Amino acid sequence: MPIYEYLCQDCTKRNAILTLNPHRLDPVQCRHCGSSKMNRLLSRFSAPKSEEARLESLADPATLGGLDESDPQSVARLMKKMGQELGEDVSDVEAMLDEPGGGDAGLDQADDL
């Protein structure tokens, strides 16, 4: 069952619409404004990677480009990228990036141990 993307001509918002029968396309309406002036977009597709392929892509030295081990935000960005690649919850890392100072306080506490 394909999911088609449409762009509303009135409010310019994207809409993703699940199509149960691709041979019979029903008229679509914008979920935001209700308009029927919709243009179908050419969407990208995704192919799931195996766990081995995900780990291999993380082992690539190019992944570490721009990493500064002394900068907590740089390390947090790498952790976030790794977590997303592995399908893990990265909300803690995102919260660390949003903190003032980029999570420096957590590192100070770790030094006290």
PDB file of N, CA and C in Angstrom:
ATOM      1  N   MET A   1       0.842  -1.171   0.000  1.00  0.00           N
ATOM      2  CA  MET A   1       0.000   0.000   0.000  1.00  0.00           C
ATOM      3  C   MET A   1       0.896   1.245   0.000  1.00  0.00           C
ATOM      4  N   PRO A   2       0.861   1.974  -1.073  1.00  0.00           N
ATOM      5  CA  PRO A   2       1.727   3.156  -1.150  1.00  0.00           C
ATOM      6  C   PRO A   2       1.170   4.344  -0.371  1.00  0.00           C
ATOM      7  N   ILE A   3       2.081   5.178   0.054  1.00  0.00           N
ATOM      8  CA  ILE A   3       1.735   6.457   0.669  1.00  0.00           C
ATOM      9  C   ILE A   3       2.175   7.527  -0.308  1.00  0.00           C
ATOM     10  N   TYR A   4       1.229   8.289  -0.811  1.00  0.00           N
ATOM     11  CA  TYR A   4       1.529   9.354  -1.752  1.00  0.00           C
ATOM     12  C   TYR A   4       1.597  10.680  -1.017  1.00  0.00           C
ATOM     13  N   GLU A   5       2.479  11.550  -1.486  1.00  0.00           N
ATOM     14  CA  GLU A   5       2.580  12.886  -0.919  1.00  0.00           C
ATOM     15  C   GLU A   5       1.993  13.886  -1.893  1.00  0.00           C
ATOM     16  N   TYR A   6       1.263  14.830  -1.338  1.00  0.00           N
ATOM     17  CA  TYR A   6       0.636  15.883  -2.136  1.00  0.00           C
ATOM     18  C   TYR A   6       1.007  17.231  -1.546  1.00  0.00           C
ATOM     19  N   LEU A   7       1.038  18.240  -2.399  1.00  0.00           N
ATOM     20  CA  LEU A   7       1.259  19.614  -1.966  1.00  0.00           C
ATOM     21  C   LEU A   7      -0.008  20.399  -2.258  1.00  0.00           C
ATOM     22  N   CYS A   8      -0.541  21.038  -1.211  1.00  0.00           N
ATOM     23  CA  CYS A   8      -1.749  21.835  -1.358  1.00  0.00           C
ATOM     24  C   CYS A   8      -1.394  23.142  -2.054  1.00  0.00           C
ATOM     25  N   GLN A   9      -2.138  23.501  -3.084  1.00  0.00           N
ATOM     26  CA  GLN A   9      -1.885  24.746  -3.806  1.00  0.00           C
ATOM     27  C   GLN A   9      -2.375  25.963  -3.022  1.00  0.00           C
ATOM     28  N   ASP A  10      -3.307  25.752  -2.101  1.00  0.00           N
ATOM     29  CA  ASP A  10      -3.846  26.879  -1.339  1.00  0.00           C
ATOM     30  C   ASP A  10      -2.993  27.228  -0.119  1.00  0.00           C
ATOM     31  N   CYS A  11      -2.693  26.233   0.719  1.00  0.00           N
ATOM     32  CA  CYS A  11      -1.944  26.534   1.950  1.00  0.00           C
ATOM     33  C   CYS A  11      -0.475  26.115   1.869  1.00  0.00           C
ATOM     34  N   THR A  12      -0.067  25.512   0.770  1.00  0.00           N
ATOM     35  CA  THR A  12       1.314  25.062   0.487  1.00  0.00           C
ATOM     36  C   THR A  12       1.866  24.097   1.530  1.00  0.00           C
ATOM     37  N   LYS A  13       1.011  23.300   2.149  1.00  0.00           N
ATOM     38  CA  LYS A  13       1.479  22.297   3.114  1.00  0.00           C
ATOM     39  C   LYS A  13       1.481  20.927   2.455  1.00  0.00           C
ATOM     40  N   ARG A  14       2.406  20.087   2.922  1.00  0.00           N
ATOM     41  CA  ARG A  14       2.495  18.714   2.417  1.00  0.00           C
ATOM     42  C   ARG A  14       1.499  17.825   3.141  1.00  0.00           C
ATOM     43  N   ASN A  15       0.964  16.864   2.413  1.00  0.00           N
ATOM     44  CA  ASN A  15       0.044  15.891   2.964  1.00  0.00           C
ATOM     45  C   ASN A  15       0.502  14.512   2.524  1.00  0.00           C
ATOM     46  N   ALA A  16       0.613  13.577   3.450  1.00  0.00           N
ATOM     47  CA  ALA A  16       0.923  12.189   3.130  1.00  0.00           C
ATOM     48  C   ALA A  16      -0.368  11.402   3.244  1.00  0.00           C
ATOM     49  N   ILE A  17      -0.730  10.721   2.162  1.00  0.00           N
ATOM     50  CA  ILE A  17      -2.021  10.034   2.129  1.00  0.00           C
ATOM     51  C   ILE A  17      -1.805   8.570   1.769  1.00  0.00           C
ATOM     52  N   LEU A  18      -2.293   7.690   2.643  1.00  0.00           N
ATOM     53  CA  LEU A  18      -2.217   6.250   2.427  1.00  0.00           C
ATOM     54  C   LEU A  18      -3.246   5.862   1.370  1.00  0.00           C
ATOM     55  N   THR A  19      -2.805   5.130   0.370  1.00  0.00           N
ATOM     56  CA  THR A  19      -3.691   4.705  -0.708  1.00  0.00           C
ATOM     57  C   THR A  19      -3.859   3.190  -0.628  1.00  0.00           C
ATOM     58  N   LEU A  20      -5.085   2.738  -0.383  1.00  0.00           N
ATOM     59  CA  LEU A  20      -5.325   1.310  -0.230  1.00  0.00           C
ATOM     60  C   LEU A  20      -5.310   0.577  -1.566  1.00  0.00           C
ATOM     61  N   ASN A  21      -5.743   1.240  -2.626  1.00  0.00           N
ATOM     62  CA  ASN A  21      -5.743   0.633  -3.953  1.00  0.00           C
ATOM     63  C   ASN A  21      -5.097   1.614  -4.931  1.00  0.00           C
ATOM     64  N   PRO A  22      -3.839   1.378  -5.324  1.00  0.00           N
ATOM     65  CA  PRO A  22      -3.154   2.338  -6.191  1.00  0.00           C
ATOM     66  C   PRO A  22      -3.763   2.443  -7.591  1.00  0.00           C
ATOM     67  N   HIS A  23      -4.605   1.496  -7.968  1.00  0.00           N
ATOM     68  CA  HIS A  23      -5.240   1.539  -9.292  1.00  0.00           C
ATOM     69  C   HIS A  23      -6.488   2.413  -9.296  1.00  0.00           C
ATOM     70  N   ARG A  24      -7.015   2.713  -8.100  1.00  0.00           N
ATOM     71  CA  ARG A  24      -8.195   3.569  -8.000  1.00  0.00           C
ATOM     72  C   ARG A  24      -7.888   4.696  -7.020  1.00  0.00           C
ATOM     73  N   LEU A  25      -7.441   5.805  -7.548  1.00  0.00           N
ATOM     74  CA  LEU A  25      -7.093   6.938  -6.696  1.00  0.00           C
ATOM     75  C   LEU A  25      -8.327   7.795  -6.436  1.00  0.00           C
ATOM     76  N   ASP A  26      -8.690   7.900  -5.169  1.00  0.00           N
ATOM     77  CA  ASP A  26      -9.821   8.731  -4.779  1.00  0.00           C
ATOM     78  C   ASP A  26      -9.386  10.193  -4.763  1.00  0.00           C
ATOM     79  N   PRO A  27     -10.327  11.130  -4.932  1.00  0.00           N
ATOM     80  CA  PRO A  27      -9.970  12.540  -4.830  1.00  0.00           C
ATOM     81  C   PRO A  27      -9.409  12.824  -3.432  1.00  0.00           C
ATOM     82  N   VAL A  28      -8.371  13.630  -3.378  1.00  0.00           N
ATOM     83  CA  VAL A  28      -7.741  13.925  -2.095  1.00  0.00           C
ATOM     84  C   VAL A  28      -8.020  15.358  -1.688  1.00  0.00           C
ATOM     85  N   GLN A  29      -8.069  15.569  -0.382  1.00  0.00           N
ATOM     86  CA  GLN A  29      -8.261  16.899   0.173  1.00  0.00           C
ATOM     87  C   GLN A  29      -7.155  17.182   1.172  1.00  0.00           C
ATOM     88  N   CYS A  30      -6.800  18.435   1.269  1.00  0.00           N
ATOM     89  CA  CYS A  30      -5.779  18.869   2.212  1.00  0.00           C
ATOM     90  C   CYS A  30      -6.293  18.666   3.638  1.00  0.00           C
ATOM     91  N   ARG A  31      -5.466  18.076   4.469  1.00  0.00           N
ATOM     92  CA  ARG A  31      -5.856  17.846   5.864  1.00  0.00           C
ATOM     93  C   ARG A  31      -5.786  19.133   6.677  1.00  0.00           C
ATOM     94  N   HIS A  32      -5.086  20.136   6.146  1.00  0.00           N
ATOM     95  CA  HIS A  32      -4.905  21.379   6.893  1.00  0.00           C
ATOM     96  C   HIS A  32      -6.000  22.400   6.591  1.00  0.00           C
ATOM     97  N   CYS A  33      -6.325  22.562   5.293  1.00  0.00           N
ATOM     98  CA  CYS A  33      -7.303  23.600   4.943  1.00  0.00           C
ATOM     99  C   CYS A  33      -8.535  23.047   4.216  1.00  0.00           C
ATOM    100  N   GLY A  34      -8.527  21.768   3.859  1.00  0.00           N
ATOM    101  CA  GLY A  34      -9.679  21.161   3.212  1.00  0.00           C
ATOM    102  C   GLY A  34      -9.753  21.370   1.708  1.00  0.00           C
ATOM    103  N   SER A  35      -8.767  22.029   1.119  1.00  0.00           N
ATOM    104  CA  SER A  35      -8.764  22.306  -0.313  1.00  0.00           C
ATOM    105  C   SER A  35      -8.588  21.016  -1.117  1.00  0.00           C
ATOM    106  N   SER A  36      -9.161  20.987  -2.300  1.00  0.00           N
ATOM    107  CA  SER A  36      -8.979  19.841  -3.190  1.00  0.00           C
ATOM    108  C   SER A  36      -7.974  20.151  -4.303  1.00  0.00           C
ATOM    109  N   LYS A  37      -7.343  21.325  -4.240  1.00  0.00           N
ATOM    110  CA  LYS A  37      -6.309  21.697  -5.216  1.00  0.00           C
ATOM    111  C   LYS A  37      -4.976  21.118  -4.752  1.00  0.00           C
ATOM    112  N   MET A  38      -4.732  19.875  -5.137  1.00  0.00           N
ATOM    113  CA  MET A  38      -3.555  19.158  -4.659  1.00  0.00           C
ATOM    114  C   MET A  38      -2.696  18.705  -5.839  1.00  0.00           C
ATOM    115  N   ASN A  39      -1.387  18.852  -5.696  1.00  0.00           N
ATOM    116  CA  ASN A  39      -0.432  18.347  -6.683  1.00  0.00           C
ATOM    117  C   ASN A  39       0.323  17.180  -6.060  1.00  0.00           C
ATOM    118  N   ARG A  40       0.355  16.067  -6.779  1.00  0.00           N
ATOM    119  CA  ARG A  40       1.085  14.912  -6.275  1.00  0.00           C
ATOM    120  C   ARG A  40       2.582  15.158  -6.440  1.00  0.00           C
ATOM    121  N   LEU A  41       3.343  14.847  -5.395  1.00  0.00           N
ATOM    122  CA  LEU A  41       4.778  15.064  -5.396  1.00  0.00           C
ATOM    123  C   LEU A  41       5.514  13.764  -5.679  1.00  0.00           C
ATOM    124  N   LEU A  42       6.691  13.899  -6.224  1.00  0.00           N
ATOM    125  CA  LEU A  42       7.558  12.758  -6.410  1.00  0.00           C
ATOM    126  C   LEU A  42       8.282  12.536  -5.089  1.00  0.00           C
ATOM    127  N   SER A  43       8.026  11.420  -4.458  1.00  0.00           N
ATOM    128  CA  SER A  43       8.568  11.153  -3.133  1.00  0.00           C
ATOM    129  C   SER A  43       9.818  10.289  -3.222  1.00  0.00           C
ATOM    130  N   ARG A  44      10.656  10.447  -2.194  1.00  0.00           N
ATOM    131  CA  ARG A  44      11.793   9.545  -2.079  1.00  0.00           C
ATOM    132  C   ARG A  44      11.304   8.264  -1.422  1.00  0.00           C
ATOM    133  N   PHE A  45      12.015   7.196  -1.660  1.00  0.00           N
ATOM    134  CA  PHE A  45      11.660   5.951  -1.005  1.00  0.00           C
ATOM    135  C   PHE A  45      12.802   5.576  -0.077  1.00  0.00           C
ATOM    136  N   SER A  46      12.504   4.722   0.858  1.00  0.00           N
ATOM    137  CA  SER A  46      13.545   4.279   1.772  1.00  0.00           C
ATOM    138  C   SER A  46      13.599   2.765   1.763  1.00  0.00           C
ATOM    139  N   ALA A  47      14.793   2.265   1.930  1.00  0.00           N
ATOM    140  CA  ALA A  47      14.999   0.830   2.031  1.00  0.00           C
ATOM    141  C   ALA A  47      15.629   0.557   3.390  1.00  0.00           C
ATOM    142  N   PRO A  48      15.034  -0.337   4.152  1.00  0.00           N
ATOM    143  CA  PRO A  48      15.600  -0.599   5.478  1.00  0.00           C
ATOM    144  C   PRO A  48      16.982  -1.238   5.373  1.00  0.00           C
ATOM    145  N   LYS A  49      17.876  -0.810   6.278  1.00  0.00           N
ATOM    146  CA  LYS A  49      19.221  -1.385   6.329  1.00  0.00           C
ATOM    147  C   LYS A  49      19.239  -2.502   7.358  1.00  0.00           C
ATOM    148  N   SER A  50      20.096  -3.462   7.115  1.00  0.00           N
ATOM    149  CA  SER A  50      20.287  -4.506   8.120  1.00  0.00           C
ATOM    150  C   SER A  50      21.098  -3.926   9.275  1.00  0.00           C
ATOM    151  N   GLU A  51      21.071  -4.605  10.402  1.00  0.00           N
ATOM    152  CA  GLU A  51      21.847  -4.120  11.550  1.00  0.00           C
ATOM    153  C   GLU A  51      23.330  -4.103  11.213  1.00  0.00           C
ATOM    154  N   GLU A  52      23.764  -5.093  10.460  1.00  0.00           N
ATOM    155  CA  GLU A  52      25.173  -5.148  10.063  1.00  0.00           C
ATOM    156  C   GLU A  52      25.556  -3.938   9.209  1.00  0.00           C
ATOM    157  N   ALA A  53      24.671  -3.549   8.270  1.00  0.00           N
ATOM    158  CA  ALA A  53      24.945  -2.390   7.412  1.00  0.00           C
ATOM    159  C   ALA A  53      24.970  -1.101   8.226  1.00  0.00           C
ATOM    160  N   ARG A  54      24.093  -0.994   9.235  1.00  0.00           N
ATOM    161  CA  ARG A  54      24.086   0.202  10.086  1.00  0.00           C
ATOM    162  C   ARG A  54      25.372   0.314  10.893  1.00  0.00           C
ATOM    163  N   LEU A  55      25.807  -0.807  11.468  1.00  0.00           N
ATOM    164  CA  LEU A  55      27.041  -0.797  12.254  1.00  0.00           C
ATOM    165  C   LEU A  55      28.251  -0.504  11.366  1.00  0.00           C
ATOM    166  N   GLU A  56      28.218  -1.031  10.150  1.00  0.00           N
ATOM    167  CA  GLU A  56      29.313  -0.786   9.204  1.00  0.00           C
ATOM    168  C   GLU A  56      29.410   0.695   8.845  1.00  0.00           C
ATOM    169  N   SER A  57      28.256   1.341   8.649  1.00  0.00           N
ATOM    170  CA  SER A  57      28.274   2.762   8.298  1.00  0.00           C
ATOM    171  C   SER A  57      28.784   3.607   9.468  1.00  0.00           C
ATOM    172  N   LEU A  58      28.526   3.165  10.705  1.00  0.00           N
ATOM    173  CA  LEU A  58      29.029   3.897  11.869  1.00  0.00           C
ATOM    174  C   LEU A  58      30.530   3.702  12.062  1.00  0.00           C
ATOM    175  N   ALA A  59      31.065   2.577  11.576  1.00  0.00           N
ATOM    176  CA  ALA A  59      32.494   2.295  11.715  1.00  0.00           C
ATOM    177  C   ALA A  59      33.328   3.068  10.707  1.00  0.00           C
ATOM    178  N   ASP A  60      32.677   3.693   9.737  1.00  0.00           N
ATOM    179  CA  ASP A  60      33.395   4.469   8.724  1.00  0.00           C
ATOM    180  C   ASP A  60      34.088   5.660   9.383  1.00  0.00           C
ATOM    181  N   PRO A  61      35.406   5.817   9.197  1.00  0.00           N
ATOM    182  CA  PRO A  61      36.119   6.940   9.817  1.00  0.00           C
ATOM    183  C   PRO A  61      35.575   8.310   9.415  1.00  0.00           C
ATOM    184  N   ALA A  62      34.932   8.401   8.257  1.00  0.00           N
ATOM    185  CA  ALA A  62      34.364   9.679   7.828  1.00  0.00           C
ATOM    186  C   ALA A  62      33.248  10.138   8.768  1.00  0.00           C
ATOM    187  N   THR A  63      32.636   9.202   9.483  1.00  0.00           N
ATOM    188  CA  THR A  63      31.585   9.535  10.436  1.00  0.00           C
ATOM    189  C   THR A  63      32.129  10.414  11.563  1.00  0.00           C
ATOM    190  N   LEU A  64      33.398  10.252  11.876  1.00  0.00           N
ATOM    191  CA  LEU A  64      34.002  10.991  12.980  1.00  0.00           C
ATOM    192  C   LEU A  64      34.559  12.340  12.559  1.00  0.00           C
ATOM    193  N   GLY A  65      34.396  12.698  11.294  1.00  0.00           N
ATOM    194  CA  GLY A  65      34.891  13.985  10.815  1.00  0.00           C
ATOM    195  C   GLY A  65      34.254  15.132  11.571  1.00  0.00           C
ATOM    196  N   GLY A  66      35.052  16.046  12.029  1.00  0.00           N
ATOM    197  CA  GLY A  66      34.543  17.205  12.746  1.00  0.00           C
ATOM    198  C   GLY A  66      34.276  16.957  14.217  1.00  0.00           C
ATOM    199  N   LEU A  67      34.633  15.761  14.727  1.00  0.00           N
ATOM    200  CA  LEU A  67      34.416  15.453  16.138  1.00  0.00           C
ATOM    201  C   LEU A  67      35.508  16.097  16.974  1.00  0.00           C
ATOM    202  N   ASP A  68      35.104  16.835  17.983  1.00  0.00           N
ATOM    203  CA  ASP A  68      36.027  17.428  18.942  1.00  0.00           C
ATOM    204  C   ASP A  68      35.696  16.818  20.297  1.00  0.00           C
ATOM    205  N   GLU A  69      36.560  15.898  20.773  1.00  0.00           N
ATOM    206  CA  GLU A  69      36.272  15.178  22.015  1.00  0.00           C
ATOM    207  C   GLU A  69      36.161  16.085  23.225  1.00  0.00           C
ATOM    208  N   SER A  70      36.740  17.277  23.160  1.00  0.00           N
ATOM    209  CA  SER A  70      36.672  18.189  24.301  1.00  0.00           C
ATOM    210  C   SER A  70      35.426  19.072  24.272  1.00  0.00           C
ATOM    211  N   ASP A  71      34.625  18.964  23.198  1.00  0.00           N
ATOM    212  CA  ASP A  71      33.407  19.757  23.076  1.00  0.00           C
ATOM    213  C   ASP A  71      32.195  18.855  23.319  1.00  0.00           C
ATOM    214  N   PRO A  72      31.479  19.031  24.439  1.00  0.00           N
ATOM    215  CA  PRO A  72      30.330  18.171  24.748  1.00  0.00           C
ATOM    216  C   PRO A  72      29.256  18.181  23.666  1.00  0.00           C
ATOM    217  N   GLN A  73      29.043  19.325  23.029  1.00  0.00           N
ATOM    218  CA  GLN A  73      28.017  19.371  21.981  1.00  0.00           C
ATOM    219  C   GLN A  73      28.431  18.542  20.769  1.00  0.00           C
ATOM    220  N   SER A  74      29.706  18.542  20.443  1.00  0.00           N
ATOM    221  CA  SER A  74      30.203  17.749  19.330  1.00  0.00           C
ATOM    222  C   SER A  74      30.010  16.258  19.608  1.00  0.00           C
ATOM    223  N   VAL A  75      30.328  15.833  20.829  1.00  0.00           N
ATOM    224  CA  VAL A  75      30.147  14.439  21.211  1.00  0.00           C
ATOM    225  C   VAL A  75      28.662  14.093  21.242  1.00  0.00           C
ATOM    226  N   ALA A  76      27.830  15.001  21.745  1.00  0.00           N
ATOM    227  CA  ALA A  76      26.386  14.753  21.799  1.00  0.00           C
ATOM    228  C   ALA A  76      25.805  14.609  20.395  1.00  0.00           C
ATOM    229  N   ARG A  77      26.289  15.430  19.445  1.00  0.00           N
ATOM    230  CA  ARG A  77      25.810  15.305  18.061  1.00  0.00           C
ATOM    231  C   ARG A  77      26.161  13.938  17.489  1.00  0.00           C
ATOM    232  N   LEU A  78      27.383  13.456  17.766  1.00  0.00           N
ATOM    233  CA  LEU A  78      27.784  12.132  17.290  1.00  0.00           C
ATOM    234  C   LEU A  78      26.924  11.048  17.929  1.00  0.00           C
ATOM    235  N   MET A  79      26.667  11.175  19.241  1.00  0.00           N
ATOM    236  CA  MET A  79      25.824  10.194  19.925  1.00  0.00           C
ATOM    237  C   MET A  79      24.408  10.188  19.350  1.00  0.00           C
ATOM    238  N   LYS A  80      23.892  11.378  19.057  1.00  0.00           N
ATOM    239  CA  LYS A  80      22.552  11.480  18.472  1.00  0.00           C
ATOM    240  C   LYS A  80      22.515  10.790  17.113  1.00  0.00           C
ATOM    241  N   LYS A  81      23.535  11.041  16.301  1.00  0.00           N
ATOM    242  CA  LYS A  81      23.600  10.418  14.977  1.00  0.00           C
ATOM    243  C   LYS A  81      23.683   8.900  15.097  1.00  0.00           C
ATOM    244  N   MET A  82      24.503   8.407  16.022  1.00  0.00           N
ATOM    245  CA  MET A  82      24.630   6.970  16.221  1.00  0.00           C
ATOM    246  C   MET A  82      23.321   6.366  16.711  1.00  0.00           C
ATOM    247  N   GLY A  83      22.664   7.042  17.645  1.00  0.00           N
ATOM    248  CA  GLY A  83      21.392   6.542  18.157  1.00  0.00           C
ATOM    249  C   GLY A  83      20.326   6.478  17.085  1.00  0.00           C
ATOM    250  N   GLN A  84      20.262   7.503  16.245  1.00  0.00           N
ATOM    251  CA  GLN A  84      19.277   7.492  15.161  1.00  0.00           C
ATOM    252  C   GLN A  84      19.576   6.376  14.170  1.00  0.00           C
ATOM    253  N   GLU A  85      20.844   6.160  13.878  1.00  0.00           N
ATOM    254  CA  GLU A  85      21.231   5.114  12.930  1.00  0.00           C
ATOM    255  C   GLU A  85      20.854   3.736  13.453  1.00  0.00           C
ATOM    256  N   LEU A  86      20.956   3.557  14.770  1.00  0.00           N
ATOM    257  CA  LEU A  86      20.646   2.268  15.379  1.00  0.00           C
ATOM    258  C   LEU A  86      19.184   2.146  15.804  1.00  0.00           C
ATOM    259  N   GLY A  87      18.415   3.225  15.627  1.00  0.00           N
ATOM    260  CA  GLY A  87      16.997   3.180  15.970  1.00  0.00           C
ATOM    261  C   GLY A  87      16.735   3.275  17.458  1.00  0.00           C
ATOM    262  N   GLU A  88      17.651   3.895  18.183  1.00  0.00           N
ATOM    263  CA  GLU A  88      17.516   4.036  19.632  1.00  0.00           C
ATOM    264  C   GLU A  88      16.866   5.374  19.964  1.00  0.00           C
ATOM    265  N   ASP A  89      16.317   5.459  21.187  1.00  0.00           N
ATOM    266  CA  ASP A  89      15.729   6.701  21.684  1.00  0.00           C
ATOM    267  C   ASP A  89      16.861   7.663  22.023  1.00  0.00           C
ATOM    268  N   VAL A  90      16.867   8.822  21.385  1.00  0.00           N
ATOM    269  CA  VAL A  90      17.937   9.800  21.600  1.00  0.00           C
ATOM    270  C   VAL A  90      17.413  11.060  22.281  1.00  0.00           C
ATOM    271  N   SER A  91      16.306  10.962  22.970  1.00  0.00           N
ATOM    272  CA  SER A  91      15.711  12.149  23.600  1.00  0.00           C
ATOM    273  C   SER A  91      16.620  12.728  24.675  1.00  0.00           C
ATOM    274  N   ASP A  92      17.359  11.879  25.417  1.00  0.00           N
ATOM    275  CA  ASP A  92      18.280  12.388  26.438  1.00  0.00           C
ATOM    276  C   ASP A  92      19.390  13.211  25.805  1.00  0.00           C
ATOM    277  N   VAL A  93      19.889  12.749  24.670  1.00  0.00           N
ATOM    278  CA  VAL A  93      20.959  13.475  23.979  1.00  0.00           C
ATOM    279  C   VAL A  93      20.418  14.791  23.441  1.00  0.00           C
ATOM    280  N   GLU A  94      19.199  14.771  22.904  1.00  0.00           N
ATOM    281  CA  GLU A  94      18.592  16.001  22.400  1.00  0.00           C
ATOM    282  C   GLU A  94      18.410  17.009  23.536  1.00  0.00           C
ATOM    283  N   ALA A  95      18.012  16.529  24.707  1.00  0.00           N
ATOM    284  CA  ALA A  95      17.851  17.424  25.857  1.00  0.00           C
ATOM    285  C   ALA A  95      19.203  18.005  26.265  1.00  0.00           C
ATOM    286  N   MET A  96      20.252  17.193  26.161  1.00  0.00           N
ATOM    287  CA  MET A  96      21.588  17.664  26.493  1.00  0.00           C
ATOM    288  C   MET A  96      22.030  18.763  25.525  1.00  0.00           C
ATOM    289  N   LEU A  97      21.680  18.615  24.257  1.00  0.00           N
ATOM    290  CA  LEU A  97      22.039  19.636  23.273  1.00  0.00           C
ATOM    291  C   LEU A  97      21.270  20.927  23.501  1.00  0.00           C
ATOM    292  N   ASP A  98      20.042  20.821  24.016  1.00  0.00           N
ATOM    293  CA  ASP A  98      19.211  22.001  24.230  1.00  0.00           C
ATOM    294  C   ASP A  98      19.584  22.768  25.497  1.00  0.00           C
ATOM    295  N   GLU A  99      20.307  22.104  26.420  1.00  0.00           N
ATOM    296  CA  GLU A  99      20.689  22.772  27.672  1.00  0.00           C
ATOM    297  C   GLU A  99      21.673  23.899  27.400  1.00  0.00           C
ATOM    298  N   PRO A 100      21.606  24.956  28.205  1.00  0.00           N
ATOM    299  CA  PRO A 100      22.632  25.995  28.092  1.00  0.00           C
ATOM    300  C   PRO A 100      23.990  25.389  28.424  1.00  0.00           C
ATOM    301  N   GLY A 101      24.968  25.646  27.625  1.00  0.00           N
ATOM    302  CA  GLY A 101      26.293  25.078  27.851  1.00  0.00           C
ATOM    303  C   GLY A 101      26.457  23.708  27.236  1.00  0.00           C
ATOM    304  N   GLY A 102      25.403  23.182  26.602  1.00  0.00           N
ATOM    305  CA  GLY A 102      25.510  21.914  25.892  1.00  0.00           C
ATOM    306  C   GLY A 102      25.770  20.708  26.766  1.00  0.00           C
ATOM    307  N   GLY A 103      25.359  20.739  28.033  1.00  0.00           N
ATOM    308  CA  GLY A 103      25.529  19.578  28.889  1.00  0.00           C
ATOM    309  C   GLY A 103      26.849  19.577  29.629  1.00  0.00           C
ATOM    310  N   ASP A 104      27.523  20.721  29.741  1.00  0.00           N
ATOM    311  CA  ASP A 104      28.792  20.805  30.469  1.00  0.00           C
ATOM    312  C   ASP A 104      28.628  20.407  31.930  1.00  0.00           C
ATOM    313  N   ALA A 105      27.454  20.693  32.521  1.00  0.00           N
ATOM    314  CA  ALA A 105      27.232  20.409  33.935  1.00  0.00           C
ATOM    315  C   ALA A 105      27.333  18.915  34.208  1.00  0.00           C
ATOM    316  N   GLY A 106      26.829  18.104  33.303  1.00  0.00           N
ATOM    317  CA  GLY A 106      26.918  16.653  33.465  1.00  0.00           C
ATOM    318  C   GLY A 106      28.351  16.174  33.448  1.00  0.00           C
ATOM    319  N   LEU A 107      29.198  16.807  32.662  1.00  0.00           N
ATOM    320  CA  LEU A 107      30.605  16.425  32.619  1.00  0.00           C
ATOM    321  C   LEU A 107      31.313  16.829  33.896  1.00  0.00           C
ATOM    322  N   ASP A 108      30.952  17.983  34.472  1.00  0.00           N
ATOM    323  CA  ASP A 108      31.571  18.412  35.713  1.00  0.00           C
ATOM    324  C   ASP A 108      31.254  17.430  36.837  1.00  0.00           C
ATOM    325  N   GLN A 109      30.029  16.919  36.855  1.00  0.00           N
ATOM    326  CA  GLN A 109      29.644  15.965  37.875  1.00  0.00           C
ATOM    327  C   GLN A 109      30.419  14.663  37.707  1.00  0.00           C
ATOM    328  N   ALA A 110      30.662  14.258  36.470  1.00  0.00           N
ATOM    329  CA  ALA A 110      31.397  13.030  36.212  1.00  0.00           C
ATOM    330  C   ALA A 110      32.843  13.159  36.658  1.00  0.00           C
ATOM    331  N   ASP A 111      33.419  14.349  36.584  1.00  0.00           N
ATOM    332  CA  ASP A 111      34.795  14.573  37.026  1.00  0.00           C
ATOM    333  C   ASP A 111      34.926  14.411  38.534  1.00  0.00           C
ATOM    334  N   ASP A 112      33.844  14.679  39.273  1.00  0.00           N
ATOM    335  CA  ASP A 112      33.877  14.581  40.717  1.00  0.00           C
ATOM    336  C   ASP A 112      33.903  13.138  41.206  1.00  0.00           C
ATOM    337  N   LEU A 113      33.558  12.193  40.326  1.00  0.00           N
ATOM    338  CA  LEU A 113      33.488  10.789  40.745  1.00  0.00           C
ATOM    339  C   LEU A 113      34.824  10.196  40.917  1.00  0.00           C
TER     340      LEU A 113
END
